[in-house]
């Protein structure tokens, strides 16, 4: 699932089909059988860091274009933060 999102390169809505709770958030278990998620890839240059997922009990329409822009912005900020932390860890090991 994450490989599909990363290949798309843009936030994507995943409709509730029972797989979201199992594959993205296993702790949700049976409480998320009808959930919808908005998933965005996290990149650092050419490196993939993972995905950022928002999960809702509502229908797919809860994630419109505005939410897609917002998750893209949050994903960019998260990626920048992860790059900075990795750089600090590398500098610390070198010292």
Protein backbone atom coordinates (compact mmCIF):
# COMPACT_ATOMS: atom_id res chain seq x y z
CA UNK A 1 0.00 0.00 0.00
CA UNK A 2 2.72 2.50 0.92
CA UNK A 3 4.65 1.58 -2.23
CA UNK A 4 1.60 2.57 -4.30
CA UNK A 5 1.33 5.93 -2.52
CA UNK A 6 5.05 6.61 -2.90
CA UNK A 7 4.92 5.74 -6.61
CA UNK A 8 2.08 8.24 -7.12
CA UNK A 9 4.09 10.95 -5.38
CA UNK A 10 0.96 12.84 -4.33
CA UNK A 11 -1.53 12.53 -1.48
CA UNK A 12 -4.14 9.89 -2.21
CA UNK A 13 -7.48 9.02 -0.63
CA UNK A 14 -7.96 5.38 0.31
CA UNK A 15 -11.55 4.29 0.79
CA UNK A 16 -12.60 2.17 3.73
CA UNK A 17 -12.39 -1.46 2.78
CA UNK A 18 -11.22 -3.00 6.03
CA UNK A 19 -7.58 -2.89 4.90
CA UNK A 20 -6.83 0.58 6.26
CA UNK A 21 -7.13 -0.48 9.88
CA UNK A 22 -5.19 -3.66 9.26
CA UNK A 23 -2.40 -2.26 7.09
CA UNK A 24 -2.00 1.39 8.13
CA UNK A 25 -3.11 1.40 11.74
CA UNK A 26 -3.36 -2.11 13.15
CA UNK A 27 -4.19 -0.78 16.63
CA UNK A 28 -7.54 0.41 15.27
CA UNK A 29 -8.56 -3.17 14.55
CA UNK A 30 -12.24 -3.67 13.85
CA UNK A 31 -13.12 -0.07 14.78
CA UNK A 32 -11.86 1.16 11.41
CA UNK A 33 -13.55 -1.15 8.94
CA UNK A 34 -15.26 1.77 7.15
CA UNK A 35 -12.53 4.39 7.65
CA UNK A 36 -11.19 6.57 4.88
CA UNK A 37 -7.60 7.78 4.88
CA UNK A 38 -5.59 10.48 3.16
CA UNK A 39 -2.02 9.28 2.71
CA UNK A 40 0.95 11.36 1.56
CA UNK A 41 4.50 10.22 0.80
CA UNK A 42 7.43 11.66 2.76
CA UNK A 43 10.51 12.34 0.63
CA UNK A 44 14.01 13.63 1.22
CA UNK A 45 15.48 14.32 -2.18
CA UNK A 46 15.36 10.95 -3.93
CA UNK A 47 15.06 9.01 -0.65
CA UNK A 48 11.68 7.85 0.59
CA UNK A 49 11.18 8.31 4.32
CA UNK A 50 7.71 6.77 4.62
CA UNK A 51 4.14 8.04 4.51
CA UNK A 52 1.94 10.35 6.55
CA UNK A 53 -1.65 9.12 7.01
CA UNK A 54 -4.78 10.87 8.23
CA UNK A 55 -7.60 8.48 9.08
CA UNK A 56 -11.26 9.45 9.39
CA UNK A 57 -14.45 7.60 10.24
CA UNK A 58 -16.18 9.69 7.58
CA UNK A 59 -16.67 9.20 3.85
CA UNK A 60 -14.04 9.98 1.19
CA UNK A 61 -15.53 13.45 0.76
CA UNK A 62 -14.10 14.53 4.14
CA UNK A 63 -10.74 14.86 2.38
CA UNK A 64 -11.08 17.53 -0.28
CA UNK A 65 -8.49 19.50 -2.21
CA UNK A 66 -7.82 21.75 0.79
CA UNK A 67 -6.93 18.76 2.97
CA UNK A 68 -4.69 17.41 0.21
CA UNK A 69 -2.77 20.70 0.10
CA UNK A 70 -2.49 20.75 3.88
CA UNK A 71 -1.17 17.18 4.16
CA UNK A 72 1.34 17.93 1.38
CA UNK A 73 2.58 20.94 3.38
CA UNK A 74 2.71 18.95 6.63
CA UNK A 75 4.53 16.15 4.80
CA UNK A 76 7.12 18.62 3.50
CA UNK A 77 7.65 19.97 7.02
CA UNK A 78 7.93 16.46 8.46
CA UNK A 79 10.44 15.48 5.77
CA UNK A 80 12.55 18.58 6.47
CA UNK A 81 12.48 17.81 10.18
CA UNK A 82 13.55 14.21 9.61
CA UNK A 83 16.42 15.38 7.36
CA UNK A 84 17.57 17.82 10.05
CA UNK A 85 17.46 15.19 12.79
CA UNK A 86 19.42 12.77 10.58
CA UNK A 87 22.00 15.49 9.89
CA UNK A 88 22.37 16.25 13.58
CA UNK A 89 22.81 12.55 14.39
CA UNK A 90 25.48 12.23 11.70
CA UNK A 91 27.32 15.30 13.03
CA UNK A 92 27.16 13.92 16.57
CA UNK A 93 28.61 10.57 15.50
CA UNK A 94 31.43 12.33 13.63
CA UNK A 95 32.37 14.45 16.64
